[in-house]
Structures are given as C-alpha cells and as structure tokens.
Amino acid sequence: MASDATFKYKEVRNMHTIHQHHEHFTTTKELRNVIAAFLSIIPGLGQIYKGYYLMGLALLFIGLPVAIWMGLLLSLATAGLGLMLPVICGALVIVHAYYAEDRRKHHPLGL
C-alpha cells in the first residue's frame, strides 16, 4: 500500500514538473522565436519579423528564386537529388529566423 501512495506522489510531482517546463517555453521571447520560425516557411518573412529587413527582402526576392532555380538545374544532373537544395536552404532560413537576435523595438510592457 505504501508503494502505491509513493507512486501517486511521484506522478503528481512529475505533472508539476511538466507544467513548470511548459510555462518556461511560453515566454514572450520564445513565442517571438516560434512566430519568426513559422513565418519563415516563406523564406525571408521571419527575418523581416525579427528586424533584419534587408536580409529578409533579399531572401524573399533573390534567395528563394535562386535556390529553386539551382535546385531544378542540379536535379537534372543528379537524378532529382538536387531538388533537396531548396528544402535545405529553407530549413537553414527557418533555423536562422528562430535563433537570430530580435532587433525590433518593443513596447515597454513586452508586447
């Protein structure tokens, strides 16, 4: 019977720990990083959101078309494997948007 009570206590303690970790990941900074990464599904929008305007516009209007063009060109020589180039470039853009420092000025309340 004592082991059953100990098990229930550990389960409640683990639930509390999971809840604390969940609160940790919902900070404003973390939320902004997630929003930037989500916006970077269209390469460059996450960078614009974080305040890297020139880089974002360059990725949107130059980087994305060049990556697609190079991927199509390389796919002819590599039996389609070159189509991974735009996917890899897109993934790197998402990672950069997530980890880049936020350059924007924010409201004093953190909004």
PDB file of N, CA and C in Angstrom:
ATOM      1  N   MET A   1       0.814  -1.181   0.000  1.00  0.00           N
ATOM      2  CA  MET A   1       0.000   0.000   0.000  1.00  0.00           C
ATOM      3  C   MET A   1       0.870   1.262   0.000  1.00  0.00           C
ATOM      4  N   ALA A   2       1.962   1.229   0.708  1.00  0.00           N
ATOM      5  CA  ALA A   2       2.841   2.392   0.784  1.00  0.00           C
ATOM      6  C   ALA A   2       3.451   2.696  -0.587  1.00  0.00           C
ATOM      7  N   SER A   3       3.785   1.645  -1.350  1.00  0.00           N
ATOM      8  CA  SER A   3       4.378   1.873  -2.665  1.00  0.00           C
ATOM      9  C   SER A   3       3.357   2.501  -3.610  1.00  0.00           C
ATOM     10  N   ASP A   4       2.076   2.180  -3.430  1.00  0.00           N
ATOM     11  CA  ASP A   4       1.037   2.777  -4.251  1.00  0.00           C
ATOM     12  C   ASP A   4       0.936   4.280  -3.976  1.00  0.00           C
ATOM     13  N   ALA A   5       1.015   4.667  -2.713  1.00  0.00           N
ATOM     14  CA  ALA A   5       0.962   6.083  -2.341  1.00  0.00           C
ATOM     15  C   ALA A   5       2.210   6.806  -2.858  1.00  0.00           C
ATOM     16  N   THR A   6       3.368   6.155  -2.783  1.00  0.00           N
ATOM     17  CA  THR A   6       4.605   6.749  -3.278  1.00  0.00           C
ATOM     18  C   THR A   6       4.519   6.968  -4.781  1.00  0.00           C
ATOM     19  N   PHE A   7       3.925   5.992  -5.487  1.00  0.00           N
ATOM     20  CA  PHE A   7       3.769   6.105  -6.934  1.00  0.00           C
ATOM     21  C   PHE A   7       2.888   7.303  -7.286  1.00  0.00           C
ATOM     22  N   LYS A   8       1.788   7.477  -6.562  1.00  0.00           N
ATOM     23  CA  LYS A   8       0.881   8.592  -6.827  1.00  0.00           C
ATOM     24  C   LYS A   8       1.572   9.926  -6.556  1.00  0.00           C
ATOM     25  N   TYR A   9       2.385   9.981  -5.498  1.00  0.00           N
ATOM     26  CA  TYR A   9       3.103  11.213  -5.173  1.00  0.00           C
ATOM     27  C   TYR A   9       4.083  11.553  -6.289  1.00  0.00           C
ATOM     28  N   LYS A  10       4.818  10.548  -6.782  1.00  0.00           N
ATOM     29  CA  LYS A  10       5.782  10.795  -7.856  1.00  0.00           C
ATOM     30  C   LYS A  10       5.071  11.245  -9.121  1.00  0.00           C
ATOM     31  N   GLU A  11       3.899  10.672  -9.372  1.00  0.00           N
ATOM     32  CA  GLU A  11       3.144  11.053 -10.554  1.00  0.00           C
ATOM     33  C   GLU A  11       2.700  12.518 -10.463  1.00  0.00           C
ATOM     34  N   VAL A  12       2.234  12.925  -9.296  1.00  0.00           N
ATOM     35  CA  VAL A  12       1.822  14.317  -9.100  1.00  0.00           C
ATOM     36  C   VAL A  12       3.024  15.240  -9.216  1.00  0.00           C
ATOM     37  N   ARG A  13       4.156  14.841  -8.653  1.00  0.00           N
ATOM     38  CA  ARG A  13       5.365  15.651  -8.732  1.00  0.00           C
ATOM     39  C   ARG A  13       5.811  15.790 -10.190  1.00  0.00           C
ATOM     40  N   ASN A  14       5.737  14.713 -10.962  1.00  0.00           N
ATOM     41  CA  ASN A  14       6.118  14.773 -12.372  1.00  0.00           C
ATOM     42  C   ASN A  14       5.174  15.684 -13.152  1.00  0.00           C
ATOM     43  N   MET A  15       3.892  15.635 -12.830  1.00  0.00           N
ATOM     44  CA  MET A  15       2.939  16.515 -13.504  1.00  0.00           C
ATOM     45  C   MET A  15       3.278  17.973 -13.218  1.00  0.00           C
ATOM     46  N   HIS A  16       3.653  18.274 -11.994  1.00  0.00           N
ATOM     47  CA  HIS A  16       4.028  19.640 -11.628  1.00  0.00           C
ATOM     48  C   HIS A  16       5.283  20.064 -12.391  1.00  0.00           C
ATOM     49  N   THR A  17       6.244  19.170 -12.517  1.00  0.00           N
ATOM     50  CA  THR A  17       7.479  19.463 -13.243  1.00  0.00           C
ATOM     51  C   THR A  17       7.179  19.711 -14.718  1.00  0.00           C
ATOM     52  N   ILE A  18       6.324  18.895 -15.312  1.00  0.00           N
ATOM     53  CA  ILE A  18       5.965  19.087 -16.715  1.00  0.00           C
ATOM     54  C   ILE A  18       5.270  20.429 -16.885  1.00  0.00           C
ATOM     55  N   HIS A  19       4.400  20.777 -15.957  1.00  0.00           N
ATOM     56  CA  HIS A  19       3.697  22.050 -16.028  1.00  0.00           C
ATOM     57  C   HIS A  19       4.683  23.220 -15.940  1.00  0.00           C
ATOM     58  N   GLN A  20       5.690  23.118 -15.088  1.00  0.00           N
ATOM     59  CA  GLN A  20       6.683  24.181 -14.976  1.00  0.00           C
ATOM     60  C   GLN A  20       7.463  24.331 -16.277  1.00  0.00           C
ATOM     61  N   HIS A  21       7.838  23.210 -16.912  1.00  0.00           N
ATOM     62  CA  HIS A  21       8.567  23.292 -18.171  1.00  0.00           C
ATOM     63  C   HIS A  21       7.693  23.911 -19.251  1.00  0.00           C
ATOM     64  N   HIS A  22       6.417  23.597 -19.244  1.00  0.00           N
ATOM     65  CA  HIS A  22       5.518  24.164 -20.236  1.00  0.00           C
ATOM     66  C   HIS A  22       5.446  25.687 -20.075  1.00  0.00           C
ATOM     67  N   GLU A  23       5.387  26.168 -18.849  1.00  0.00           N
ATOM     68  CA  GLU A  23       5.358  27.609 -18.617  1.00  0.00           C
ATOM     69  C   GLU A  23       6.663  28.264 -19.060  1.00  0.00           C
ATOM     70  N   HIS A  24       7.769  27.547 -18.911  1.00  0.00           N
ATOM     71  CA  HIS A  24       9.078  28.094 -19.294  1.00  0.00           C
ATOM     72  C   HIS A  24       9.127  28.376 -20.792  1.00  0.00           C
ATOM     73  N   PHE A  25       8.519  27.521 -21.600  1.00  0.00           N
ATOM     74  CA  PHE A  25       8.600  27.668 -23.045  1.00  0.00           C
ATOM     75  C   PHE A  25       7.569  28.632 -23.610  1.00  0.00           C
ATOM     76  N   THR A  26       6.736  29.217 -22.767  1.00  0.00           N
ATOM     77  CA  THR A  26       5.751  30.157 -23.280  1.00  0.00           C
ATOM     78  C   THR A  26       6.121  31.598 -22.945  1.00  0.00           C
ATOM     79  N   THR A  27       7.387  31.872 -22.752  1.00  0.00           N
ATOM     80  CA  THR A  27       7.816  33.248 -22.511  1.00  0.00           C
ATOM     81  C   THR A  27       7.642  34.056 -23.793  1.00  0.00           C
ATOM     82  N   THR A  28       7.659  35.348 -23.655  1.00  0.00           N
ATOM     83  CA  THR A  28       7.466  36.215 -24.811  1.00  0.00           C
ATOM     84  C   THR A  28       8.581  36.043 -25.830  1.00  0.00           C
ATOM     85  N   LYS A  29       9.810  35.903 -25.351  1.00  0.00           N
ATOM     86  CA  LYS A  29      10.944  35.729 -26.268  1.00  0.00           C
ATOM     87  C   LYS A  29      10.800  34.423 -27.048  1.00  0.00           C
ATOM     88  N   GLU A  30      10.433  33.356 -26.356  1.00  0.00           N
ATOM     89  CA  GLU A  30      10.257  32.065 -27.015  1.00  0.00           C
ATOM     90  C   GLU A  30       9.120  32.140 -28.031  1.00  0.00           C
ATOM     91  N   LEU A  31       8.065  32.820 -27.677  1.00  0.00           N
ATOM     92  CA  LEU A  31       6.930  32.960 -28.582  1.00  0.00           C
ATOM     93  C   LEU A  31       7.339  33.729 -29.833  1.00  0.00           C
ATOM     94  N   ARG A  32       8.121  34.784 -29.668  1.00  0.00           N
ATOM     95  CA  ARG A  32       8.600  35.536 -30.830  1.00  0.00           C
ATOM     96  C   ARG A  32       9.483  34.674 -31.728  1.00  0.00           C
ATOM     97  N   ASN A  33      10.319  33.831 -31.128  1.00  0.00           N
ATOM     98  CA  ASN A  33      11.167  32.933 -31.914  1.00  0.00           C
ATOM     99  C   ASN A  33      10.329  31.946 -32.713  1.00  0.00           C
ATOM    100  N   VAL A  34       9.302  31.414 -32.096  1.00  0.00           N
ATOM    101  CA  VAL A  34       8.436  30.454 -32.781  1.00  0.00           C
ATOM    102  C   VAL A  34       7.678  31.140 -33.912  1.00  0.00           C
ATOM    103  N   ILE A  35       7.197  32.358 -33.669  1.00  0.00           N
ATOM    104  CA  ILE A  35       6.493  33.104 -34.714  1.00  0.00           C
ATOM    105  C   ILE A  35       7.425  33.369 -35.889  1.00  0.00           C
ATOM    106  N   ALA A  36       8.665  33.767 -35.603  1.00  0.00           N
ATOM    107  CA  ALA A  36       9.639  34.030 -36.675  1.00  0.00           C
ATOM    108  C   ALA A  36       9.917  32.761 -37.471  1.00  0.00           C
ATOM    109  N   ALA A  37      10.067  31.639 -36.787  1.00  0.00           N
ATOM    110  CA  ALA A  37      10.317  30.378 -37.488  1.00  0.00           C
ATOM    111  C   ALA A  37       9.111  29.994 -38.338  1.00  0.00           C
ATOM    112  N   PHE A  38       7.915  30.184 -37.811  1.00  0.00           N
ATOM    113  CA  PHE A  38       6.710  29.852 -38.568  1.00  0.00           C
ATOM    114  C   PHE A  38       6.572  30.749 -39.801  1.00  0.00           C
ATOM    115  N   LEU A  39       6.853  32.036 -39.648  1.00  0.00           N
ATOM    116  CA  LEU A  39       6.780  32.948 -40.787  1.00  0.00           C
ATOM    117  C   LEU A  39       7.814  32.605 -41.856  1.00  0.00           C
ATOM    118  N   SER A  40       8.914  31.978 -41.450  1.00  0.00           N
ATOM    119  CA  SER A  40       9.983  31.650 -42.397  1.00  0.00           C
ATOM    120  C   SER A  40       9.648  30.463 -43.282  1.00  0.00           C
ATOM    121  N   ILE A  41       8.441  29.956 -43.168  1.00  0.00           N
ATOM    122  CA  ILE A  41       8.001  28.968 -44.158  1.00  0.00           C
ATOM    123  C   ILE A  41       8.068  29.621 -45.536  1.00  0.00           C
ATOM    124  N   ILE A  42       7.789  30.918 -45.572  1.00  0.00           N
ATOM    125  CA  ILE A  42       8.079  31.715 -46.763  1.00  0.00           C
ATOM    126  C   ILE A  42       9.404  32.415 -46.453  1.00  0.00           C
ATOM    127  N   PRO A  43      10.507  31.953 -47.038  1.00  0.00           N
ATOM    128  CA  PRO A  43      11.830  32.447 -46.662  1.00  0.00           C
ATOM    129  C   PRO A  43      11.933  33.972 -46.713  1.00  0.00           C
ATOM    130  N   GLY A  44      12.391  34.550 -45.615  1.00  0.00           N
ATOM    131  CA  GLY A  44      12.599  35.975 -45.510  1.00  0.00           C
ATOM    132  C   GLY A  44      11.602  36.663 -44.588  1.00  0.00           C
ATOM    133  N   LEU A  45      10.391  36.120 -44.444  1.00  0.00           N
ATOM    134  CA  LEU A  45       9.397  36.776 -43.602  1.00  0.00           C
ATOM    135  C   LEU A  45       9.783  36.732 -42.125  1.00  0.00           C
ATOM    136  N   GLY A  46      10.394  35.656 -41.684  1.00  0.00           N
ATOM    137  CA  GLY A  46      10.840  35.569 -40.285  1.00  0.00           C
ATOM    138  C   GLY A  46      11.945  36.556 -39.987  1.00  0.00           C
ATOM    139  N   GLN A  47      12.830  36.748 -40.960  1.00  0.00           N
ATOM    140  CA  GLN A  47      13.906  37.721 -40.777  1.00  0.00           C
ATOM    141  C   GLN A  47      13.337  39.137 -40.730  1.00  0.00           C
ATOM    142  N   ILE A  48      12.353  39.425 -41.565  1.00  0.00           N
ATOM    143  CA  ILE A  48      11.710  40.740 -41.530  1.00  0.00           C
ATOM    144  C   ILE A  48      11.024  40.934 -40.185  1.00  0.00           C
ATOM    145  N   TYR A  49      10.371  39.907 -39.678  1.00  0.00           N
ATOM    146  CA  TYR A  49       9.698  39.987 -38.381  1.00  0.00           C
ATOM    147  C   TYR A  49      10.682  40.296 -37.254  1.00  0.00           C
ATOM    148  N   LYS A  50      11.899  39.735 -37.341  1.00  0.00           N
ATOM    149  CA  LYS A  50      12.901  39.955 -36.298  1.00  0.00           C
ATOM    150  C   LYS A  50      13.673  41.262 -36.477  1.00  0.00           C
ATOM    151  N   GLY A  51      13.455  41.973 -37.572  1.00  0.00           N
ATOM    152  CA  GLY A  51      14.112  43.258 -37.766  1.00  0.00           C
ATOM    153  C   GLY A  51      15.266  43.233 -38.747  1.00  0.00           C
ATOM    154  N   TYR A  52      15.515  42.135 -39.401  1.00  0.00           N
ATOM    155  CA  TYR A  52      16.563  42.028 -40.412  1.00  0.00           C
ATOM    156  C   TYR A  52      15.911  42.289 -41.783  1.00  0.00           C
ATOM    157  N   TYR A  53      15.571  43.547 -42.036  1.00  0.00           N
ATOM    158  CA  TYR A  53      14.757  43.882 -43.197  1.00  0.00           C
ATOM    159  C   TYR A  53      15.467  43.615 -44.517  1.00  0.00           C
ATOM    160  N   LEU A  54      16.701  44.043 -44.645  1.00  0.00           N
ATOM    161  CA  LEU A  54      17.435  43.866 -45.902  1.00  0.00           C
ATOM    162  C   LEU A  54      17.661  42.381 -46.180  1.00  0.00           C
ATOM    163  N   MET A  55      18.061  41.636 -45.163  1.00  0.00           N
ATOM    164  CA  MET A  55      18.282  40.202 -45.344  1.00  0.00           C
ATOM    165  C   MET A  55      16.975  39.507 -45.720  1.00  0.00           C
ATOM    166  N   GLY A  56      15.895  39.883 -45.061  1.00  0.00           N
ATOM    167  CA  GLY A  56      14.605  39.261 -45.346  1.00  0.00           C
ATOM    168  C   GLY A  56      14.142  39.512 -46.765  1.00  0.00           C
ATOM    169  N   LEU A  57      14.282  40.763 -47.210  1.00  0.00           N
ATOM    170  CA  LEU A  57      13.881  41.078 -48.581  1.00  0.00           C
ATOM    171  C   LEU A  57      14.776  40.377 -49.598  1.00  0.00           C
ATOM    172  N   ALA A  58      16.066  40.299 -49.301  1.00  0.00           N
ATOM    173  CA  ALA A  58      16.991  39.598 -50.202  1.00  0.00           C
ATOM    174  C   ALA A  58      16.648  38.113 -50.284  1.00  0.00           C
ATOM    175  N   LEU A  59      16.336  37.505 -49.155  1.00  0.00           N
ATOM    176  CA  LEU A  59      15.957  36.093 -49.176  1.00  0.00           C
ATOM    177  C   LEU A  59      14.647  35.880 -49.932  1.00  0.00           C
ATOM    178  N   LEU A  60      13.720  36.781 -49.750  1.00  0.00           N
ATOM    179  CA  LEU A  60      12.407  36.644 -50.360  1.00  0.00           C
ATOM    180  C   LEU A  60      12.459  36.820 -51.870  1.00  0.00           C
ATOM    181  N   PHE A  61      13.165  37.841 -52.333  1.00  0.00           N
ATOM    182  CA  PHE A  61      13.136  38.153 -53.756  1.00  0.00           C
ATOM    183  C   PHE A  61      14.330  37.642 -54.556  1.00  0.00           C
ATOM    184  N   ILE A  62      15.428  37.304 -53.891  1.00  0.00           N
ATOM    185  CA  ILE A  62      16.604  36.799 -54.604  1.00  0.00           C
ATOM    186  C   ILE A  62      16.928  35.370 -54.172  1.00  0.00           C
ATOM    187  N   GLY A  63      17.028  35.153 -52.868  1.00  0.00           N
ATOM    188  CA  GLY A  63      17.467  33.847 -52.360  1.00  0.00           C
ATOM    189  C   GLY A  63      16.533  32.705 -52.706  1.00  0.00           C
ATOM    190  N   LEU A  64      15.242  32.899 -52.525  1.00  0.00           N
ATOM    191  CA  LEU A  64      14.282  31.837 -52.818  1.00  0.00           C
ATOM    192  C   LEU A  64      14.258  31.483 -54.303  1.00  0.00           C
ATOM    193  N   PRO A  65      14.146  32.462 -55.217  1.00  0.00           N
ATOM    194  CA  PRO A  65      14.172  32.087 -56.640  1.00  0.00           C
ATOM    195  C   PRO A  65      15.483  31.435 -57.077  1.00  0.00           C
ATOM    196  N   VAL A  66      16.597  31.927 -56.558  1.00  0.00           N
ATOM    197  CA  VAL A  66      17.890  31.323 -56.926  1.00  0.00           C
ATOM    198  C   VAL A  66      17.988  29.897 -56.402  1.00  0.00           C
ATOM    199  N   ALA A  67      17.540  29.658 -55.174  1.00  0.00           N
ATOM    200  CA  ALA A  67      17.586  28.299 -54.611  1.00  0.00           C
ATOM    201  C   ALA A  67      16.704  27.352 -55.411  1.00  0.00           C
ATOM    202  N   ILE A  68      15.540  27.812 -55.803  1.00  0.00           N
ATOM    203  CA  ILE A  68      14.653  26.955 -56.615  1.00  0.00           C
ATOM    204  C   ILE A  68      15.272  26.704 -57.982  1.00  0.00           C
ATOM    205  N   TRP A  69      15.804  27.736 -58.605  1.00  0.00           N
ATOM    206  CA  TRP A  69      16.422  27.575 -59.925  1.00  0.00           C
ATOM    207  C   TRP A  69      17.620  26.629 -59.863  1.00  0.00           C
ATOM    208  N   MET A  70      18.479  26.819 -58.854  1.00  0.00           N
ATOM    209  CA  MET A  70      19.647  25.931 -58.714  1.00  0.00           C
ATOM    210  C   MET A  70      19.205  24.498 -58.415  1.00  0.00           C
ATOM    211  N   GLY A  71      18.176  24.348 -57.605  1.00  0.00           N
ATOM    212  CA  GLY A  71      17.682  23.009 -57.311  1.00  0.00           C
ATOM    213  C   GLY A  71      17.165  22.313 -58.552  1.00  0.00           C
ATOM    214  N   LEU A  72      16.426  23.033 -59.380  1.00  0.00           N
ATOM    215  CA  LEU A  72      15.931  22.446 -60.628  1.00  0.00           C
ATOM    216  C   LEU A  72      17.072  22.115 -61.576  1.00  0.00           C
ATOM    217  N   LEU A  73      18.033  23.017 -61.664  1.00  0.00           N
ATOM    218  CA  LEU A  73      19.186  22.788 -62.536  1.00  0.00           C
ATOM    219  C   LEU A  73      20.002  21.586 -62.063  1.00  0.00           C
ATOM    220  N   LEU A  74      20.257  21.512 -60.765  1.00  0.00           N
ATOM    221  CA  LEU A  74      21.033  20.394 -60.231  1.00  0.00           C
ATOM    222  C   LEU A  74      20.261  19.079 -60.288  1.00  0.00           C
ATOM    223  N   SER A  75      18.942  19.157 -60.261  1.00  0.00           N
ATOM    224  CA  SER A  75      18.164  17.912 -60.303  1.00  0.00           C
ATOM    225  C   SER A  75      18.344  17.195 -61.627  1.00  0.00           C
ATOM    226  N   LEU A  76      18.639  17.933 -62.687  1.00  0.00           N
ATOM    227  CA  LEU A  76      18.876  17.308 -63.987  1.00  0.00           C
ATOM    228  C   LEU A  76      20.176  16.503 -63.983  1.00  0.00           C
ATOM    229  N   ALA A  77      21.170  16.978 -63.253  1.00  0.00           N
ATOM    230  CA  ALA A  77      22.468  16.317 -63.224  1.00  0.00           C
ATOM    231  C   ALA A  77      22.569  15.254 -62.130  1.00  0.00           C
ATOM    232  N   THR A  78      21.671  15.299 -61.157  1.00  0.00           N
ATOM    233  CA  THR A  78      21.802  14.387 -60.015  1.00  0.00           C
ATOM    234  C   THR A  78      20.596  13.463 -59.848  1.00  0.00           C
ATOM    235  N   ALA A  79      19.866  13.256 -60.925  1.00  0.00           N
ATOM    236  CA  ALA A  79      18.695  12.369 -60.916  1.00  0.00           C
ATOM    237  C   ALA A  79      17.682  12.795 -59.852  1.00  0.00           C
ATOM    238  N   GLY A  80      17.452  14.083 -59.744  1.00  0.00           N
ATOM    239  CA  GLY A  80      16.444  14.597 -58.830  1.00  0.00           C
ATOM    240  C   GLY A  80      16.931  14.933 -57.438  1.00  0.00           C
ATOM    241  N   LEU A  81      18.144  14.535 -57.097  1.00  0.00           N
ATOM    242  CA  LEU A  81      18.663  14.797 -55.763  1.00  0.00           C
ATOM    243  C   LEU A  81      18.882  16.290 -55.521  1.00  0.00           C
ATOM    244  N   GLY A  82      19.099  17.046 -56.574  1.00  0.00           N
ATOM    245  CA  GLY A  82      19.305  18.486 -56.451  1.00  0.00           C
ATOM    246  C   GLY A  82      18.071  19.222 -55.959  1.00  0.00           C
ATOM    247  N   LEU A  83      16.906  18.575 -56.011  1.00  0.00           N
ATOM    248  CA  LEU A  83      15.694  19.216 -55.503  1.00  0.00           C
ATOM    249  C   LEU A  83      15.718  19.378 -53.990  1.00  0.00           C
ATOM    250  N   MET A  84      16.670  18.749 -53.345  1.00  0.00           N
ATOM    251  CA  MET A  84      16.824  18.912 -51.900  1.00  0.00           C
ATOM    252  C   MET A  84      17.464  20.256 -51.549  1.00  0.00           C
ATOM    253  N   LEU A  85      18.112  20.895 -52.504  1.00  0.00           N
ATOM    254  CA  LEU A  85      18.783  22.171 -52.239  1.00  0.00           C
ATOM    255  C   LEU A  85      17.813  23.244 -51.734  1.00  0.00           C
ATOM    256  N   PRO A  86      16.665  23.474 -52.400  1.00  0.00           N
ATOM    257  CA  PRO A  86      15.742  24.481 -51.853  1.00  0.00           C
ATOM    258  C   PRO A  86      15.184  24.087 -50.481  1.00  0.00           C
ATOM    259  N   VAL A  87      15.000  22.809 -50.233  1.00  0.00           N
ATOM    260  CA  VAL A  87      14.490  22.350 -48.938  1.00  0.00           C
ATOM    261  C   VAL A  87      15.520  22.620 -47.844  1.00  0.00           C
ATOM    262  N   ILE A  88      16.778  22.318 -48.138  1.00  0.00           N
ATOM    263  CA  ILE A  88      17.853  22.550 -47.167  1.00  0.00           C
ATOM    264  C   ILE A  88      18.024  24.051 -46.910  1.00  0.00           C
ATOM    265  N   CYS A  89      17.973  24.847 -47.976  1.00  0.00           N
ATOM    266  CA  CYS A  89      18.083  26.303 -47.809  1.00  0.00           C
ATOM    267  C   CYS A  89      16.921  26.834 -46.974  1.00  0.00           C
ATOM    268  N   GLY A  90      15.728  26.334 -47.230  1.00  0.00           N
ATOM    269  CA  GLY A  90      14.564  26.747 -46.452  1.00  0.00           C
ATOM    270  C   GLY A  90      14.700  26.386 -44.984  1.00  0.00           C
ATOM    271  N   ALA A  91      15.222  25.194 -44.712  1.00  0.00           N
ATOM    272  CA  ALA A  91      15.416  24.770 -43.319  1.00  0.00           C
ATOM    273  C   ALA A  91      16.443  25.670 -42.624  1.00  0.00           C
ATOM    274  N   LEU A  92      17.504  26.028 -43.318  1.00  0.00           N
ATOM    275  CA  LEU A  92      18.514  26.909 -42.732  1.00  0.00           C
ATOM    276  C   LEU A  92      17.959  28.311 -42.462  1.00  0.00           C
ATOM    277  N   VAL A  93      17.093  28.777 -43.336  1.00  0.00           N
ATOM    278  CA  VAL A  93      16.461  30.087 -43.136  1.00  0.00           C
ATOM    279  C   VAL A  93      15.566  30.044 -41.900  1.00  0.00           C
ATOM    280  N   ILE A  94      14.836  28.947 -41.715  1.00  0.00           N
ATOM    281  CA  ILE A  94      13.967  28.797 -40.540  1.00  0.00           C
ATOM    282  C   ILE A  94      14.802  28.780 -39.261  1.00  0.00           C
ATOM    283  N   VAL A  95      15.900  28.047 -39.276  1.00  0.00           N
ATOM    284  CA  VAL A  95      16.771  27.972 -38.096  1.00  0.00           C
ATOM    285  C   VAL A  95      17.357  29.353 -37.788  1.00  0.00           C
ATOM    286  N   HIS A  96      17.777  30.070 -38.822  1.00  0.00           N
ATOM    287  CA  HIS A  96      18.330  31.414 -38.594  1.00  0.00           C
ATOM    288  C   HIS A  96      17.272  32.328 -37.997  1.00  0.00           C
ATOM    289  N   ALA A  97      16.057  32.290 -38.519  1.00  0.00           N
ATOM    290  CA  ALA A  97      14.991  33.155 -38.006  1.00  0.00           C
ATOM    291  C   ALA A  97      14.693  32.844 -36.548  1.00  0.00           C
ATOM    292  N   TYR A  98      14.776  31.587 -36.165  1.00  0.00           N
ATOM    293  CA  TYR A  98      14.480  31.200 -34.788  1.00  0.00           C
ATOM    294  C   TYR A  98      15.554  31.705 -33.828  1.00  0.00           C
ATOM    295  N   TYR A  99      16.817  31.549 -34.206  1.00  0.00           N
ATOM    296  CA  TYR A  99      17.913  31.859 -33.294  1.00  0.00           C
ATOM    297  C   TYR A  99      18.462  33.282 -33.427  1.00  0.00           C
ATOM    298  N   ALA A 100      18.049  34.032 -34.427  1.00  0.00           N
ATOM    299  CA  ALA A 100      18.572  35.392 -34.612  1.00  0.00           C
ATOM    300  C   ALA A 100      18.082  36.301 -33.488  1.00  0.00           C
ATOM    301  N   GLU A 101      18.926  37.234 -33.096  1.00  0.00           N
ATOM    302  CA  GLU A 101      18.562  38.206 -32.065  1.00  0.00           C
ATOM    303  C   GLU A 101      17.482  39.138 -32.614  1.00  0.00           C
ATOM    304  N   ASP A 102      16.525  39.465 -31.789  1.00  0.00           N
ATOM    305  CA  ASP A 102      15.433  40.331 -32.200  1.00  0.00           C
ATOM    306  C   ASP A 102      15.910  41.783 -32.183  1.00  0.00           C
ATOM    307  N   ARG A 103      15.890  42.449 -33.328  1.00  0.00           N
ATOM    308  CA  ARG A 103      16.376  43.822 -33.443  1.00  0.00           C
ATOM    309  C   ARG A 103      15.270  44.868 -33.312  1.00  0.00           C
ATOM    310  N   ARG A 104      14.032  44.439 -33.255  1.00  0.00           N
ATOM    311  CA  ARG A 104      12.924  45.390 -33.224  1.00  0.00           C
ATOM    312  C   ARG A 104      12.819  46.066 -31.867  1.00  0.00           C
ATOM    313  N   LYS A 105      12.240  47.248 -31.853  1.00  0.00           N
ATOM    314  CA  LYS A 105      11.923  47.945 -30.607  1.00  0.00           C
ATOM    315  C   LYS A 105      10.556  47.442 -30.143  1.00  0.00           C
ATOM    316  N   HIS A 106      10.466  47.090 -28.871  1.00  0.00           N
ATOM    317  CA  HIS A 106       9.228  46.521 -28.342  1.00  0.00           C
ATOM    318  C   HIS A 106       8.559  47.484 -27.382  1.00  0.00           C
ATOM    319  N   HIS A 107       7.313  47.269 -27.215  1.00  0.00           N
ATOM    320  CA  HIS A 107       6.509  48.054 -26.277  1.00  0.00           C
ATOM    321  C   HIS A 107       7.061  47.841 -24.872  1.00  0.00           C
ATOM    322  N   PRO A 108       7.045  48.844 -24.000  1.00  0.00           N
ATOM    323  CA  PRO A 108       7.592  48.697 -22.645  1.00  0.00           C
ATOM    324  C   PRO A 108       6.964  47.558 -21.841  1.00  0.00           C
ATOM    325  N   LEU A 109       5.727  47.196 -22.166  1.00  0.00           N
ATOM    326  CA  LEU A 109       5.089  46.093 -21.448  1.00  0.00           C
ATOM    327  C   LEU A 109       5.491  44.736 -22.010  1.00  0.00           C
ATOM    328  N   GLY A 110       6.300  44.717 -23.056  1.00  0.00           N
ATOM    329  CA  GLY A 110       6.780  43.461 -23.615  1.00  0.00           C
ATOM    330  C   GLY A 110       5.846  42.892 -24.660  1.00  0.00           C
ATOM    331  N   LEU A 111       4.955  43.698 -25.188  1.00  0.00           N
ATOM    332  CA  LEU A 111       4.021  43.210 -26.202  1.00  0.00           C
ATOM    333  C   LEU A 111       4.575  43.327 -27.578  1.00  0.00           C
TER     334      LEU A 111
END
